[in-house]
């Protein structure tokens, strides 16, 4: 990845069914204008957004519609816990 690319905003969207035994899947990802659109769509639809640049960078290597790798389960579980708590408010 180039230095210019690393400076552009990055967004990764995950899909997870509460109570599901399936791992979360990457359903959208992008940098720059695509990242801004992902965030805007999430906001328009009341989706909770968690800013975690390190995790987003790690997830950006996952292909679209693939489940997250085992190595990221713990980090993503923390984010899902945050999202579920925010959703209850």
PDB file of N, CA and C in Angstrom:
ATOM      1  N   UNK A   1       0.852  -1.170   0.000  1.00  0.00           N
ATOM      2  CA  UNK A   1       0.000   0.000   0.000  1.00  0.00           C
ATOM      3  C   UNK A   1       0.895   1.230   0.000  1.00  0.00           C
ATOM      4  N   UNK A   2       0.546   2.208  -0.831  1.00  0.00           N
ATOM      5  CA  UNK A   2       1.328   3.430  -0.914  1.00  0.00           C
ATOM      6  C   UNK A   2       1.051   4.311   0.306  1.00  0.00           C
ATOM      7  N   UNK A   3       1.949   5.264   0.523  1.00  0.00           N
ATOM      8  CA  UNK A   3       1.778   6.181   1.653  1.00  0.00           C
ATOM      9  C   UNK A   3       0.523   7.040   1.467  1.00  0.00           C
ATOM     10  N   UNK A   4       0.253   7.468   0.219  1.00  0.00           N
ATOM     11  CA  UNK A   4      -0.960   8.248  -0.059  1.00  0.00           C
ATOM     12  C   UNK A   4      -2.208   7.447   0.265  1.00  0.00           C
ATOM     13  N   UNK A   5      -2.201   6.173  -0.116  1.00  0.00           N
ATOM     14  CA  UNK A   5      -3.356   5.314   0.143  1.00  0.00           C
ATOM     15  C   UNK A   5      -3.586   5.162   1.648  1.00  0.00           C
ATOM     16  N   UNK A   6      -2.517   5.017   2.404  1.00  0.00           N
ATOM     17  CA  UNK A   6      -2.619   4.831   3.850  1.00  0.00           C
ATOM     18  C   UNK A   6      -3.234   6.052   4.538  1.00  0.00           C
ATOM     19  N   UNK A   7      -3.097   7.236   3.936  1.00  0.00           N
ATOM     20  CA  UNK A   7      -3.635   8.459   4.540  1.00  0.00           C
ATOM     21  C   UNK A   7      -5.117   8.653   4.250  1.00  0.00           C
ATOM     22  N   UNK A   8      -5.636   7.962   3.258  1.00  0.00           N
ATOM     23  CA  UNK A   8      -7.047   8.107   2.888  1.00  0.00           C
ATOM     24  C   UNK A   8      -7.919   7.366   3.894  1.00  0.00           C
ATOM     25  N   UNK A   9      -9.088   7.919   4.196  1.00  0.00           N
ATOM     26  CA  UNK A   9      -9.977   7.237   5.150  1.00  0.00           C
ATOM     27  C   UNK A   9     -10.335   5.834   4.664  1.00  0.00           C
ATOM     28  N   UNK A  10     -10.488   4.938   5.606  1.00  0.00           N
ATOM     29  CA  UNK A  10     -10.827   3.545   5.316  1.00  0.00           C
ATOM     30  C   UNK A  10     -12.068   3.175   6.113  1.00  0.00           C
ATOM     31  N   UNK A  11     -12.987   2.475   5.461  1.00  0.00           N
ATOM     32  CA  UNK A  11     -14.182   1.977   6.153  1.00  0.00           C
ATOM     33  C   UNK A  11     -14.388   0.521   5.762  1.00  0.00           C
ATOM     34  N   UNK A  12     -14.762  -0.278   6.758  1.00  0.00           N
ATOM     35  CA  UNK A  12     -15.088  -1.682   6.532  1.00  0.00           C
ATOM     36  C   UNK A  12     -16.403  -1.947   7.250  1.00  0.00           C
ATOM     37  N   UNK A  13     -17.358  -2.514   6.524  1.00  0.00           N
ATOM     38  CA  UNK A  13     -18.655  -2.839   7.107  1.00  0.00           C
ATOM     39  C   UNK A  13     -18.762  -4.346   7.299  1.00  0.00           C
ATOM     40  N   UNK A  14     -19.240  -4.729   8.470  1.00  0.00           N
ATOM     41  CA  UNK A  14     -19.424  -6.143   8.787  1.00  0.00           C
ATOM     42  C   UNK A  14     -20.907  -6.452   8.921  1.00  0.00           C
ATOM     43  N   UNK A  15     -21.260  -7.677   8.639  1.00  0.00           N
ATOM     44  CA  UNK A  15     -22.630  -8.138   8.860  1.00  0.00           C
ATOM     45  C   UNK A  15     -22.562  -9.303   9.841  1.00  0.00           C
ATOM     46  N   UNK A  16     -23.392  -9.207  10.880  1.00  0.00           N
ATOM     47  CA  UNK A  16     -23.454 -10.262  11.888  1.00  0.00           C
ATOM     48  C   UNK A  16     -24.879 -10.371  12.377  1.00  0.00           C
ATOM     49  N   UNK A  17     -25.393 -11.578  12.403  1.00  0.00           N
ATOM     50  CA  UNK A  17     -26.729 -11.829  12.937  1.00  0.00           C
ATOM     51  C   UNK A  17     -26.587 -12.149  14.416  1.00  0.00           C
ATOM     52  N   UNK A  18     -27.205 -11.344  15.272  1.00  0.00           N
ATOM     53  CA  UNK A  18     -27.153 -11.582  16.714  1.00  0.00           C
ATOM     54  C   UNK A  18     -27.640 -12.995  17.005  1.00  0.00           C
ATOM     55  N   UNK A  19     -26.851 -13.734  17.762  1.00  0.00           N
ATOM     56  CA  UNK A  19     -27.193 -15.098  18.129  1.00  0.00           C
ATOM     57  C   UNK A  19     -26.776 -16.136  17.098  1.00  0.00           C
ATOM     58  N   UNK A  20     -26.261 -15.683  15.973  1.00  0.00           N
ATOM     59  CA  UNK A  20     -25.841 -16.606  14.921  1.00  0.00           C
ATOM     60  C   UNK A  20     -24.556 -17.318  15.324  1.00  0.00           C
ATOM     61  N   UNK A  21     -24.392 -18.519  14.820  1.00  0.00           N
ATOM     62  CA  UNK A  21     -23.165 -19.269  15.067  1.00  0.00           C
ATOM     63  C   UNK A  21     -22.144 -19.011  13.960  1.00  0.00           C
ATOM     64  N   UNK A  22     -22.542 -18.221  12.955  1.00  0.00           N
ATOM     65  CA  UNK A  22     -21.646 -17.891  11.852  1.00  0.00           C
ATOM     66  C   UNK A  22     -20.811 -16.672  12.203  1.00  0.00           C
ATOM     67  N   UNK A  23     -19.592 -16.664  11.723  1.00  0.00           N
ATOM     68  CA  UNK A  23     -18.705 -15.521  11.950  1.00  0.00           C
ATOM     69  C   UNK A  23     -19.193 -14.322  11.134  1.00  0.00           C
ATOM     70  N   UNK A  24     -18.893 -13.121  11.612  1.00  0.00           N
ATOM     71  CA  UNK A  24     -19.245 -11.929  10.841  1.00  0.00           C
ATOM     72  C   UNK A  24     -18.583 -11.960   9.461  1.00  0.00           C
ATOM     73  N   UNK A  25     -19.248 -11.316   8.501  1.00  0.00           N
ATOM     74  CA  UNK A  25     -18.733 -11.236   7.140  1.00  0.00           C
ATOM     75  C   UNK A  25     -18.446  -9.784   6.784  1.00  0.00           C
ATOM     76  N   UNK A  26     -17.441  -9.585   5.930  1.00  0.00           N
ATOM     77  CA  UNK A  26     -17.142  -8.264   5.387  1.00  0.00           C
ATOM     78  C   UNK A  26     -18.110  -8.038   4.225  1.00  0.00           C
ATOM     79  N   UNK A  27     -18.946  -7.006   4.340  1.00  0.00           N
ATOM     80  CA  UNK A  27     -19.949  -6.762   3.305  1.00  0.00           C
ATOM     81  C   UNK A  27     -19.683  -5.491   2.495  1.00  0.00           C
ATOM     82  N   UNK A  28     -18.766  -4.663   2.964  1.00  0.00           N
ATOM     83  CA  UNK A  28     -18.366  -3.470   2.210  1.00  0.00           C
ATOM     84  C   UNK A  28     -17.022  -3.012   2.734  1.00  0.00           C
ATOM     85  N   UNK A  29     -16.233  -2.448   1.853  1.00  0.00           N
ATOM     86  CA  UNK A  29     -14.958  -1.873   2.282  1.00  0.00           C
ATOM     87  C   UNK A  29     -14.481  -0.913   1.207  1.00  0.00           C
ATOM     88  N   UNK A  30     -13.733   0.089   1.627  1.00  0.00           N
ATOM     89  CA  UNK A  30     -13.210   1.029   0.658  1.00  0.00           C
ATOM     90  C   UNK A  30     -12.457   2.151   1.319  1.00  0.00           C
ATOM     91  N   UNK A  31     -11.744   2.896   0.484  1.00  0.00           N
ATOM     92  CA  UNK A  31     -10.966   4.050   0.937  1.00  0.00           C
ATOM     93  C   UNK A  31     -11.474   5.312   0.257  1.00  0.00           C
ATOM     94  N   UNK A  32     -11.176   6.433   0.869  1.00  0.00           N
ATOM     95  CA  UNK A  32     -11.505   7.716   0.266  1.00  0.00           C
ATOM     96  C   UNK A  32     -13.001   7.919   0.118  1.00  0.00           C
ATOM     97  N   UNK A  33     -13.437   8.238  -1.101  1.00  0.00           N
ATOM     98  CA  UNK A  33     -14.853   8.518  -1.350  1.00  0.00           C
ATOM     99  C   UNK A  33     -15.732   7.310  -1.068  1.00  0.00           C
ATOM    100  N   UNK A  34     -15.233   6.116  -1.355  1.00  0.00           N
ATOM    101  CA  UNK A  34     -16.012   4.905  -1.074  1.00  0.00           C
ATOM    102  C   UNK A  34     -16.199   4.764   0.436  1.00  0.00           C
ATOM    103  N   UNK A  35     -15.150   5.007   1.206  1.00  0.00           N
ATOM    104  CA  UNK A  35     -15.250   4.941   2.669  1.00  0.00           C
ATOM    105  C   UNK A  35     -16.259   5.964   3.181  1.00  0.00           C
ATOM    106  N   UNK A  36     -16.204   7.162   2.635  1.00  0.00           N
ATOM    107  CA  UNK A  36     -17.142   8.201   3.057  1.00  0.00           C
ATOM    108  C   UNK A  36     -18.582   7.786   2.746  1.00  0.00           C
ATOM    109  N   UNK A  37     -18.795   7.148   1.622  1.00  0.00           N
ATOM    110  CA  UNK A  37     -20.148   6.698   1.250  1.00  0.00           C
ATOM    111  C   UNK A  37     -20.624   5.576   2.177  1.00  0.00           C
ATOM    112  N   UNK A  38     -19.721   4.648   2.519  1.00  0.00           N
ATOM    113  CA  UNK A  38     -20.069   3.567   3.446  1.00  0.00           C
ATOM    114  C   UNK A  38     -20.522   4.155   4.777  1.00  0.00           C
ATOM    115  N   UNK A  39     -19.767   5.120   5.288  1.00  0.00           N
ATOM    116  CA  UNK A  39     -20.094   5.753   6.568  1.00  0.00           C
ATOM    117  C   UNK A  39     -21.420   6.513   6.451  1.00  0.00           C
ATOM    118  N   UNK A  40     -21.612   7.237   5.363  1.00  0.00           N
ATOM    119  CA  UNK A  40     -22.851   7.997   5.177  1.00  0.00           C
ATOM    120  C   UNK A  40     -24.059   7.067   5.134  1.00  0.00           C
ATOM    121  N   UNK A  41     -23.943   5.969   4.413  1.00  0.00           N
ATOM    122  CA  UNK A  41     -25.052   5.011   4.351  1.00  0.00           C
ATOM    123  C   UNK A  41     -25.342   4.407   5.723  1.00  0.00           C
ATOM    124  N   UNK A  42     -24.287   4.119   6.473  1.00  0.00           N
ATOM    125  CA  UNK A  42     -24.471   3.574   7.818  1.00  0.00           C
ATOM    126  C   UNK A  42     -25.217   4.582   8.692  1.00  0.00           C
ATOM    127  N   UNK A  43     -24.793   5.840   8.633  1.00  0.00           N
ATOM    128  CA  UNK A  43     -25.446   6.879   9.439  1.00  0.00           C
ATOM    129  C   UNK A  43     -26.909   7.053   9.033  1.00  0.00           C
ATOM    130  N   UNK A  44     -27.173   7.073   7.725  1.00  0.00           N
ATOM    131  CA  UNK A  44     -28.548   7.236   7.231  1.00  0.00           C
ATOM    132  C   UNK A  44     -29.461   6.110   7.693  1.00  0.00           C
ATOM    133  N   UNK A  45     -28.879   4.933   7.921  1.00  0.00           N
ATOM    134  CA  UNK A  45     -29.677   3.761   8.280  1.00  0.00           C
ATOM    135  C   UNK A  45     -29.590   3.406   9.757  1.00  0.00           C
ATOM    136  N   UNK A  46     -29.041   4.316  10.558  1.00  0.00           N
ATOM    137  CA  UNK A  46     -28.984   4.105  11.995  1.00  0.00           C
ATOM    138  C   UNK A  46     -28.038   2.993  12.434  1.00  0.00           C
ATOM    139  N   UNK A  47     -27.053   2.688  11.619  1.00  0.00           N
ATOM    140  CA  UNK A  47     -26.073   1.653  11.961  1.00  0.00           C
ATOM    141  C   UNK A  47     -25.025   2.267  12.889  1.00  0.00           C
ATOM    142  N   UNK A  48     -24.734   1.577  13.982  1.00  0.00           N
ATOM    143  CA  UNK A  48     -23.722   2.044  14.923  1.00  0.00           C
ATOM    144  C   UNK A  48     -22.349   1.943  14.257  1.00  0.00           C
ATOM    145  N   UNK A  49     -21.566   3.006  14.395  1.00  0.00           N
ATOM    146  CA  UNK A  49     -20.230   3.058  13.796  1.00  0.00           C
ATOM    147  C   UNK A  49     -19.195   3.070  14.910  1.00  0.00           C
ATOM    148  N   UNK A  50     -18.208   2.211  14.778  1.00  0.00           N
ATOM    149  CA  UNK A  50     -17.096   2.156  15.743  1.00  0.00           C
ATOM    150  C   UNK A  50     -15.832   2.489  14.968  1.00  0.00           C
ATOM    151  N   UNK A  51     -15.106   3.485  15.429  1.00  0.00           N
ATOM    152  CA  UNK A  51     -13.855   3.870  14.784  1.00  0.00           C
ATOM    153  C   UNK A  51     -12.714   3.059  15.381  1.00  0.00           C
ATOM    154  N   UNK A  52     -12.102   2.218  14.552  1.00  0.00           N
ATOM    155  CA  UNK A  52     -10.984   1.392  14.983  1.00  0.00           C
ATOM    156  C   UNK A  52     -10.072   1.201  13.770  1.00  0.00           C
ATOM    157  N   UNK A  53      -9.198   2.191  13.502  1.00  0.00           N
ATOM    158  CA  UNK A  53      -8.366   2.155  12.297  1.00  0.00           C
ATOM    159  C   UNK A  53      -7.484   0.917  12.166  1.00  0.00           C
ATOM    160  N   UNK A  54      -6.958   0.423  13.265  1.00  0.00           N
ATOM    161  CA  UNK A  54      -6.076  -0.752  13.200  1.00  0.00           C
ATOM    162  C   UNK A  54      -6.877  -1.981  12.771  1.00  0.00           C
ATOM    163  N   UNK A  55      -8.043  -2.173  13.361  1.00  0.00           N
ATOM    164  CA  UNK A  55      -8.884  -3.308  12.991  1.00  0.00           C
ATOM    165  C   UNK A  55      -9.393  -3.148  11.559  1.00  0.00           C
ATOM    166  N   UNK A  56      -9.788  -1.939  11.178  1.00  0.00           N
ATOM    167  CA  UNK A  56     -10.257  -1.704   9.810  1.00  0.00           C
ATOM    168  C   UNK A  56      -9.169  -2.067   8.802  1.00  0.00           C
ATOM    169  N   UNK A  57      -7.952  -1.695   9.104  1.00  0.00           N
ATOM    170  CA  UNK A  57      -6.831  -2.025   8.205  1.00  0.00           C
ATOM    171  C   UNK A  57      -6.672  -3.539   8.092  1.00  0.00           C
ATOM    172  N   UNK A  58      -6.759  -4.235   9.217  1.00  0.00           N
ATOM    173  CA  UNK A  58      -6.641  -5.698   9.191  1.00  0.00           C
ATOM    174  C   UNK A  58      -7.792  -6.320   8.401  1.00  0.00           C
ATOM    175  N   UNK A  59      -8.999  -5.796   8.570  1.00  0.00           N
ATOM    176  CA  UNK A  59     -10.166  -6.336   7.878  1.00  0.00           C
ATOM    177  C   UNK A  59     -10.191  -5.978   6.398  1.00  0.00           C
ATOM    178  N   UNK A  60      -9.464  -4.946   6.012  1.00  0.00           N
ATOM    179  CA  UNK A  60      -9.482  -4.525   4.617  1.00  0.00           C
ATOM    180  C   UNK A  60      -8.883  -5.578   3.684  1.00  0.00           C
ATOM    181  N   UNK A  61      -8.118  -6.498   4.242  1.00  0.00           N
ATOM    182  CA  UNK A  61      -7.543  -7.569   3.439  1.00  0.00           C
ATOM    183  C   UNK A  61      -8.477  -8.747   3.229  1.00  0.00           C
ATOM    184  N   UNK A  62      -9.627  -8.743   3.893  1.00  0.00           N
ATOM    185  CA  UNK A  62     -10.604  -9.820   3.757  1.00  0.00           C
ATOM    186  C   UNK A  62     -11.445  -9.543   2.508  1.00  0.00           C
ATOM    187  N   UNK A  63     -11.658 -10.563   1.705  1.00  0.00           N
ATOM    188  CA  UNK A  63     -12.464 -10.399   0.494  1.00  0.00           C
ATOM    189  C   UNK A  63     -13.920 -10.132   0.864  1.00  0.00           C
ATOM    190  N   UNK A  64     -14.607  -9.406   0.003  1.00  0.00           N
ATOM    191  CA  UNK A  64     -16.030  -9.130   0.226  1.00  0.00           C
ATOM    192  C   UNK A  64     -16.813 -10.431   0.331  1.00  0.00           C
ATOM    193  N   UNK A  65     -17.721 -10.463   1.271  1.00  0.00           N
ATOM    194  CA  UNK A  65     -18.609 -11.581   1.579  1.00  0.00           C
ATOM    195  C   UNK A  65     -17.894 -12.764   2.232  1.00  0.00           C
ATOM    196  N   UNK A  66     -16.616 -12.624   2.546  1.00  0.00           N
ATOM    197  CA  UNK A  66     -15.901 -13.663   3.292  1.00  0.00           C
ATOM    198  C   UNK A  66     -16.061 -13.408   4.784  1.00  0.00           C
ATOM    199  N   UNK A  67     -16.031 -14.474   5.561  1.00  0.00           N
ATOM    200  CA  UNK A  67     -16.079 -14.325   7.017  1.00  0.00           C
ATOM    201  C   UNK A  67     -14.721 -13.836   7.502  1.00  0.00           C
ATOM    202  N   UNK A  68     -14.739 -13.217   8.654  1.00  0.00           N
ATOM    203  CA  UNK A  68     -13.492 -12.693   9.212  1.00  0.00           C
ATOM    204  C   UNK A  68     -12.583 -13.861   9.599  1.00  0.00           C
ATOM    205  N   UNK A  69     -11.269 -13.661   9.535  1.00  0.00           N
ATOM    206  CA  UNK A  69     -10.357 -14.733   9.918  1.00  0.00           C
ATOM    207  C   UNK A  69     -10.355 -14.955  11.433  1.00  0.00           C
ATOM    208  N   UNK A  70     -10.046 -16.169  11.815  1.00  0.00           N
ATOM    209  CA  UNK A  70     -10.012 -16.554  13.235  1.00  0.00           C
ATOM    210  C   UNK A  70      -9.145 -15.597  14.045  1.00  0.00           C
ATOM    211  N   UNK A  71      -8.060 -15.138  13.468  1.00  0.00           N
ATOM    212  CA  UNK A  71      -7.132 -14.257  14.189  1.00  0.00           C
ATOM    213  C   UNK A  71      -7.783 -12.950  14.628  1.00  0.00           C
ATOM    214  N   UNK A  72      -8.879 -12.574  13.979  1.00  0.00           N
ATOM    215  CA  UNK A  72      -9.536 -11.304  14.305  1.00  0.00           C
ATOM    216  C   UNK A  72     -10.811 -11.473  15.126  1.00  0.00           C
ATOM    217  N   UNK A  73     -11.157 -12.709  15.477  1.00  0.00           N
ATOM    218  CA  UNK A  73     -12.387 -12.967  16.241  1.00  0.00           C
ATOM    219  C   UNK A  73     -12.451 -12.137  17.517  1.00  0.00           C
ATOM    220  N   UNK A  74     -11.392 -12.141  18.311  1.00  0.00           N
ATOM    221  CA  UNK A  74     -11.424 -11.428  19.596  1.00  0.00           C
ATOM    222  C   UNK A  74     -11.641  -9.925  19.398  1.00  0.00           C
ATOM    223  N   UNK A  75     -10.903  -9.339  18.462  1.00  0.00           N
ATOM    224  CA  UNK A  75     -11.026  -7.897  18.219  1.00  0.00           C
ATOM    225  C   UNK A  75     -12.418  -7.547  17.710  1.00  0.00           C
ATOM    226  N   UNK A  76     -12.947  -8.356  16.810  1.00  0.00           N
ATOM    227  CA  UNK A  76     -14.285  -8.091  16.264  1.00  0.00           C
ATOM    228  C   UNK A  76     -15.348  -8.328  17.339  1.00  0.00           C
ATOM    229  N   UNK A  77     -15.137  -9.294  18.214  1.00  0.00           N
ATOM    230  CA  UNK A  77     -16.094  -9.545  19.296  1.00  0.00           C
ATOM    231  C   UNK A  77     -16.220  -8.322  20.200  1.00  0.00           C
ATOM    232  N   UNK A  78     -15.130  -7.626  20.443  1.00  0.00           N
ATOM    233  CA  UNK A  78     -15.173  -6.405  21.253  1.00  0.00           C
ATOM    234  C   UNK A  78     -16.028  -5.354  20.548  1.00  0.00           C
ATOM    235  N   UNK A  79     -15.848  -5.214  19.251  1.00  0.00           N
ATOM    236  CA  UNK A  79     -16.626  -4.237  18.479  1.00  0.00           C
ATOM    237  C   UNK A  79     -18.101  -4.619  18.473  1.00  0.00           C
ATOM    238  N   UNK A  80     -18.398  -5.890  18.264  1.00  0.00           N
ATOM    239  CA  UNK A  80     -19.793  -6.332  18.263  1.00  0.00           C
ATOM    240  C   UNK A  80     -20.436  -6.072  19.621  1.00  0.00           C
ATOM    241  N   UNK A  81     -19.701  -6.322  20.694  1.00  0.00           N
ATOM    242  CA  UNK A  81     -20.220  -6.023  22.034  1.00  0.00           C
ATOM    243  C   UNK A  81     -20.548  -4.549  22.179  1.00  0.00           C
ATOM    244  N   UNK A  82     -19.668  -3.689  21.690  1.00  0.00           N
ATOM    245  CA  UNK A  82     -19.899  -2.238  21.732  1.00  0.00           C
ATOM    246  C   UNK A  82     -21.159  -1.883  20.945  1.00  0.00           C
ATOM    247  N   UNK A  83     -21.259  -2.417  19.732  1.00  0.00           N
ATOM    248  CA  UNK A  83     -22.399  -2.121  18.874  1.00  0.00           C
ATOM    249  C   UNK A  83     -23.708  -2.575  19.518  1.00  0.00           C
ATOM    250  N   UNK A  84     -23.716  -3.771  20.101  1.00  0.00           N
ATOM    251  CA  UNK A  84     -24.932  -4.273  20.744  1.00  0.00           C
ATOM    252  C   UNK A  84     -25.328  -3.396  21.931  1.00  0.00           C
ATOM    253  N   UNK A  85     -24.338  -2.945  22.706  1.00  0.00           N
ATOM    254  CA  UNK A  85     -24.640  -2.065  23.848  1.00  0.00           C
ATOM    255  C   UNK A  85     -25.217  -0.737  23.358  1.00  0.00           C
ATOM    256  N   UNK A  86     -24.642  -0.178  22.304  1.00  0.00           N
ATOM    257  CA  UNK A  86     -25.116   1.107  21.762  1.00  0.00           C
ATOM    258  C   UNK A  86     -26.516   0.964  21.169  1.00  0.00           C
ATOM    259  N   UNK A  87     -26.782  -0.185  20.582  1.00  0.00           N
ATOM    260  CA  UNK A  87     -28.087  -0.426  19.946  1.00  0.00           C
ATOM    261  C   UNK A  87     -29.212  -0.472  20.968  1.00  0.00           C
ATOM    262  N   UNK A  88     -28.901  -0.866  22.186  1.00  0.00           N
ATOM    263  CA  UNK A  88     -29.918  -0.958  23.238  1.00  0.00           C
ATOM    264  C   UNK A  88     -30.339   0.404  23.760  1.00  0.00           C
ATOM    265  N   UNK A  89     -29.557   1.422  23.494  1.00  0.00           N
ATOM    266  CA  UNK A  89     -29.840   2.767  24.036  1.00  0.00           C
ATOM    267  C   UNK A  89     -30.940   3.458  23.306  1.00  0.00           C
TER     268      UNK A  89
END
